Amino acid sequence: MTHRSLRLGVNIDHVATVRNARGGGQPDPIRAARMAVEAGADGITAHLREDRRHIRDADMETLARVLTVPLNFEMAATDEMVALAIRLKPHAACLVPEKREERTTEGGLDIVGGHEHLAPRIIALSAAGIRVSLFVEPDVAVMDAAHRLGAPVVELHTGTYCEAVAAGNTKRVSVELARIARAATHGASLGLEIHAGHGLALDSVGPVAALAEIAELNIGHALIGEAIFTGLDQAVRDMRAAMDAARGASAA
């Protein structure tokens, strides 16, 4: 399935990172979420980690209560997080791998080896009316495994592609972009809704946004970093414009 429009989910985790570095309540991630929505975000993403290093339980509770757009709850596939998601009832729950020592999420879920662990949690979340997505590597076999698990959405990990862009490795960029495109096409042919994210910035978002099978991009760190210089509203508007330009050019 192809999508004419492309949704932007803004991840506000690192507003909370800055807040927590000093203590207190500023900058407020809830204010950031509202500002992102006003600037054109179609949804808000927040990752409540097991160690609560940035987003905290109170943030998730407030977001679930006040947002006027869908909330995408990024979470590890643990009983604690599943229970919390079922209580808060966000629009979506994106299951991601999580290691205490990592700086950020590194790679996609092992949904082949983790089938028995993931399946009951996907069932529980789905039964609560929460749309489940799986953060996975852009691989055709992984799309098949996601389809077997019964999750309606996959989010393709774009980190390796973005690293190649940052390094100026044009050959690697081409290889990784082709991987993303193949996975998106195959996943969509199975009936999966295709999202993508991790590391996307203004210099890397265009080729991914141009892929017609992708319905949503989730972007956070680059937006919060750019917001230091331009303000969050302008950073979101610039990203929205870059996404729309790439999607429009691909459809022309």
Protein backbone atom coordinates (compact mmCIF):
# COMPACT_ATOMS: atom_id res chain seq x y z
CA MET A 1 0.00 0.00 0.00
CA THR A 2 1.25 3.48 -0.85
CA HIS A 3 0.50 6.67 1.08
CA ARG A 4 0.13 10.11 -0.45
CA SER A 5 0.66 11.92 2.81
CA LEU A 6 3.39 11.26 5.35
CA ARG A 7 2.84 11.71 9.09
CA LEU A 8 5.46 13.20 11.41
CA GLY A 9 5.75 11.88 14.94
CA VAL A 10 7.93 14.08 17.16
CA ASN A 11 9.88 12.34 19.90
CA ILE A 12 10.24 14.58 22.98
CA ASP A 13 12.56 12.32 25.02
CA HIS A 14 15.53 14.65 24.95
CA VAL A 15 13.60 17.64 26.23
CA ALA A 16 13.23 15.49 29.34
CA THR A 17 16.96 14.62 29.16
CA VAL A 18 17.84 18.31 29.47
CA ARG A 19 15.31 18.78 32.28
CA ASN A 20 16.66 15.84 34.25
CA ALA A 21 20.28 16.98 33.90
CA ARG A 22 19.56 19.94 36.17
CA GLY A 23 16.55 18.74 38.13
CA GLY A 24 13.35 20.72 38.51
CA GLY A 25 10.72 21.06 35.84
CA GLN A 26 12.36 22.96 32.99
CA PRO A 27 12.36 22.54 30.07
CA ASP A 28 8.92 20.97 30.23
CA PRO A 29 8.44 18.08 27.77
CA ILE A 30 4.67 18.58 27.84
CA ARG A 31 5.10 22.15 26.64
CA ALA A 32 7.42 20.82 23.93
CA ALA A 33 4.78 18.31 22.84
CA ARG A 34 2.14 21.02 22.56
CA MET A 35 4.49 23.28 20.61
CA ALA A 36 5.38 20.44 18.23
CA VAL A 37 1.71 19.80 17.55
CA GLU A 38 1.07 23.48 16.87
CA ALA A 39 3.99 23.46 14.42
CA GLY A 40 2.64 20.52 12.43
CA ALA A 41 3.45 17.27 14.23
CA ASP A 42 0.84 14.58 13.61
CA GLY A 43 1.69 12.67 16.78
CA ILE A 44 3.98 12.62 19.79
CA THR A 45 6.39 9.82 20.66
CA ALA A 46 7.87 9.27 24.12
CA HIS A 47 10.03 6.38 25.38
CA LEU A 48 9.57 5.48 29.03
CA ARG A 49 12.73 3.54 29.73
CA GLU A 50 13.01 1.07 32.56
CA ASP A 51 15.65 3.30 34.23
CA ARG A 52 13.56 6.48 33.66
CA ARG A 53 16.61 8.30 32.33
CA HIS A 54 14.52 10.90 30.48
CA ILE A 55 10.73 10.50 30.24
CA ARG A 56 9.11 9.72 33.60
CA ASP A 57 5.84 8.08 34.58
CA ALA A 58 4.24 11.45 35.35
CA ASP A 59 5.15 12.68 31.85
CA MET A 60 3.41 9.72 30.25
CA GLU A 61 0.34 10.17 32.41
CA THR A 62 0.09 13.85 31.48
CA LEU A 63 0.67 13.20 27.78
CA ALA A 64 -2.01 10.51 27.72
CA ARG A 65 -4.43 12.96 29.36
CA VAL A 66 -3.80 16.21 27.47
CA LEU A 67 -2.65 15.40 23.95
CA THR A 68 -5.02 16.15 21.08
CA VAL A 69 -2.99 13.97 18.67
CA PRO A 70 -2.00 10.30 18.92
CA LEU A 71 0.51 9.32 21.59
CA ASN A 72 3.07 6.69 20.57
CA PHE A 73 4.38 5.00 23.74
CA GLU A 74 7.84 3.54 23.04
CA MET A 75 8.54 0.77 25.52
CA ALA A 76 10.43 -2.39 26.25
CA ALA A 77 8.39 -5.58 26.01
CA THR A 78 8.18 -6.11 29.77
CA ASP A 79 5.24 -6.92 32.01
CA GLU A 80 5.68 -3.58 33.84
CA MET A 81 5.50 -1.54 30.63
CA VAL A 82 2.63 -3.55 29.18
CA ALA A 83 0.61 -3.02 32.37
CA LEU A 84 1.33 0.71 32.32
CA ALA A 85 0.37 1.02 28.67
CA ILE A 86 -2.88 -0.83 29.24
CA ARG A 87 -3.67 1.58 32.08
CA LEU A 88 -2.82 4.73 30.09
CA LYS A 89 -4.25 3.52 26.78
CA PRO A 90 -2.07 5.48 24.32
CA HIS A 91 -2.97 5.35 20.65
CA ALA A 92 0.05 3.14 19.93
CA ALA A 93 2.75 1.15 21.69
CA CYS A 94 6.03 0.71 19.86
CA LEU A 95 8.01 -2.22 21.24
CA VAL A 96 11.74 -1.51 21.17
CA PRO A 97 14.87 -3.31 22.39
CA GLU A 98 16.34 -1.80 25.51
CA LYS A 99 19.69 -2.22 27.26
CA ARG A 100 20.66 -0.29 30.36
CA GLU A 101 24.15 0.58 29.11
CA GLU A 102 23.15 1.95 25.69
CA ARG A 103 23.01 5.67 24.98
CA THR A 104 20.02 5.24 22.71
CA THR A 105 18.13 2.37 21.11
CA GLU A 106 20.66 0.33 19.11
CA GLY A 107 19.13 -1.66 16.28
CA GLY A 108 15.80 -3.37 15.96
CA LEU A 109 14.03 -6.04 17.98
CA ASP A 110 14.97 -9.67 17.56
CA ILE A 111 11.47 -10.69 16.59
CA VAL A 112 12.55 -14.05 15.19
CA GLY A 113 14.30 -15.28 18.32
CA GLY A 114 11.93 -13.33 20.57
CA HIS A 115 8.66 -14.63 19.16
CA GLU A 116 7.54 -16.45 22.31
CA HIS A 117 8.37 -13.44 24.49
CA LEU A 118 6.71 -10.88 22.23
CA ALA A 119 3.56 -12.70 21.11
CA PRO A 120 1.62 -12.62 24.42
CA ARG A 121 2.51 -8.97 24.99
CA ILE A 122 1.32 -8.01 21.53
CA ILE A 123 -1.94 -9.87 22.18
CA ALA A 124 -2.43 -8.13 25.56
CA LEU A 125 -1.81 -4.65 24.13
CA SER A 126 -4.00 -5.27 21.10
CA ALA A 127 -6.83 -6.55 23.30
CA ALA A 128 -6.69 -3.23 25.17
CA GLY A 129 -7.27 -1.35 21.92
CA ILE A 130 -3.65 -0.19 21.58
CA ARG A 131 -2.07 -0.30 18.13
CA VAL A 132 1.17 -2.26 18.39
CA SER A 133 4.23 -1.48 16.30
CA LEU A 134 7.57 -3.28 16.29
CA PHE A 135 10.86 -1.38 15.93
CA VAL A 136 12.81 -3.63 13.59
CA GLU A 137 15.68 -3.87 11.15
CA PRO A 138 14.81 -3.17 7.49
CA ASP A 139 14.95 -6.76 6.33
CA VAL A 140 12.53 -8.79 4.21
CA ALA A 141 12.68 -11.84 6.53
CA VAL A 142 11.96 -9.58 9.50
CA MET A 143 8.84 -8.29 7.73
CA ASP A 144 7.66 -11.90 7.40
CA ALA A 145 8.29 -12.49 11.11
CA ALA A 146 6.41 -9.32 12.08
CA HIS A 147 3.46 -10.41 9.98
CA ARG A 148 3.41 -13.80 11.71
CA LEU A 149 3.40 -12.08 15.10
CA GLY A 150 0.23 -10.22 14.18
CA ALA A 151 1.43 -6.67 14.88
CA PRO A 152 -0.20 -4.26 12.41
CA VAL A 153 2.74 -1.82 12.21
CA VAL A 154 6.52 -1.99 11.88
CA GLU A 155 8.93 0.90 12.35
CA LEU A 156 12.05 0.44 10.26
CA HIS A 157 15.33 1.28 11.98
CA THR A 158 17.04 3.95 9.87
CA GLY A 159 20.08 4.43 12.11
CA THR A 160 22.60 2.61 9.92
CA TYR A 161 21.48 4.59 6.87
CA CYS A 162 21.77 7.87 8.79
CA GLU A 163 25.27 6.98 10.01
CA ALA A 164 26.31 6.41 6.40
CA VAL A 165 24.89 9.80 5.42
CA ALA A 166 26.78 11.49 8.26
CA ALA A 167 30.02 9.76 7.22
CA GLY A 168 29.60 10.78 3.58
CA ASN A 169 29.79 7.13 2.53
CA THR A 170 27.72 7.29 -0.64
CA LYS A 171 28.07 3.59 -1.45
CA ARG A 172 26.86 2.60 2.00
CA VAL A 173 24.03 5.14 1.80
CA SER A 174 22.83 3.51 -1.41
CA VAL A 175 23.02 0.00 0.08
CA GLU A 176 21.16 0.96 3.26
CA LEU A 177 18.50 2.97 1.44
CA ALA A 178 17.88 -0.01 -0.84
CA ARG A 179 17.45 -2.23 2.25
CA ILE A 180 14.87 0.17 3.66
CA ALA A 181 13.03 0.36 0.34
CA ARG A 182 12.92 -3.43 -0.09
CA ALA A 183 11.66 -3.97 3.44
CA ALA A 184 9.04 -1.24 3.09
CA THR A 185 7.75 -2.68 -0.18
CA HIS A 186 7.63 -6.23 1.12
CA GLY A 187 6.10 -5.28 4.47
CA ALA A 188 3.40 -3.21 2.77
CA SER A 189 2.61 -6.12 0.44
CA LEU A 190 1.89 -8.22 3.56
CA GLY A 191 -0.55 -5.59 4.85
CA LEU A 192 1.80 -4.06 7.42
CA GLU A 193 1.73 -0.29 7.94
CA ILE A 194 5.28 0.94 7.52
CA HIS A 195 6.86 3.59 9.73
CA ALA A 196 10.54 4.55 9.95
CA GLY A 197 12.83 6.36 12.35
CA HIS A 198 16.08 6.72 14.28
CA GLY A 199 18.73 9.29 13.46
CA LEU A 200 16.78 11.06 10.71
CA ALA A 201 17.74 14.71 10.21
CA LEU A 202 17.26 17.33 7.51
CA ASP A 203 20.22 15.98 5.52
CA SER A 204 18.96 12.38 5.55
CA VAL A 205 15.17 12.50 5.71
CA GLY A 206 14.43 13.17 2.03
CA PRO A 207 15.16 9.76 0.44
CA VAL A 208 13.28 7.95 3.20
CA ALA A 209 10.33 10.34 3.06
CA ALA A 210 10.14 9.74 -0.69
CA LEU A 211 9.33 6.04 -0.21
CA ALA A 212 5.61 5.87 -0.91
CA GLU A 213 5.04 2.78 1.25
CA ILE A 214 6.07 4.66 4.41
CA ALA A 215 3.18 6.23 6.30
CA GLU A 216 4.98 7.84 9.24
CA LEU A 217 8.41 9.04 10.35
CA ASN A 218 9.32 9.36 14.03
CA ILE A 219 12.03 11.94 14.64
CA GLY A 220 13.38 13.33 17.90
CA HIS A 221 17.05 13.98 18.57
CA ALA A 222 17.72 16.01 15.43
CA LEU A 223 14.68 18.20 16.08
CA ILE A 224 15.62 18.90 19.69
CA GLY A 225 19.20 19.63 18.66
CA GLU A 226 18.12 22.01 15.91
CA ALA A 227 15.66 23.66 18.29
CA ILE A 228 18.60 25.03 20.28
CA PHE A 229 19.41 27.24 17.30
CA THR A 230 16.06 27.87 15.62
CA GLY A 231 13.41 27.12 18.23
CA LEU A 232 11.34 23.95 18.33
CA ASP A 233 8.45 25.30 16.28
CA GLN A 234 10.77 26.26 13.40
CA ALA A 235 12.67 22.97 13.63
CA VAL A 236 9.41 21.03 13.29
CA ARG A 237 8.19 23.25 10.44
CA ASP A 238 11.48 22.79 8.57
CA MET A 239 11.34 19.01 8.97
CA ARG A 240 7.69 18.94 7.92
CA ALA A 241 8.56 20.97 4.81
CA ALA A 242 11.47 18.68 3.91
CA MET A 243 9.28 15.60 4.27
CA ASP A 244 6.46 17.10 2.22
CA ALA A 245 8.86 18.24 -0.53
CA ALA A 246 10.41 14.77 -0.81
CA ARG A 247 7.03 13.02 -0.87
CA GLY A 248 5.65 15.50 -3.39
CA ALA A 249 8.66 15.10 -5.69
CA SER A 250 8.40 11.31 -5.57
CA ALA A 251 4.71 11.47 -6.51
CA ALA A 252 5.22 13.90 -9.39
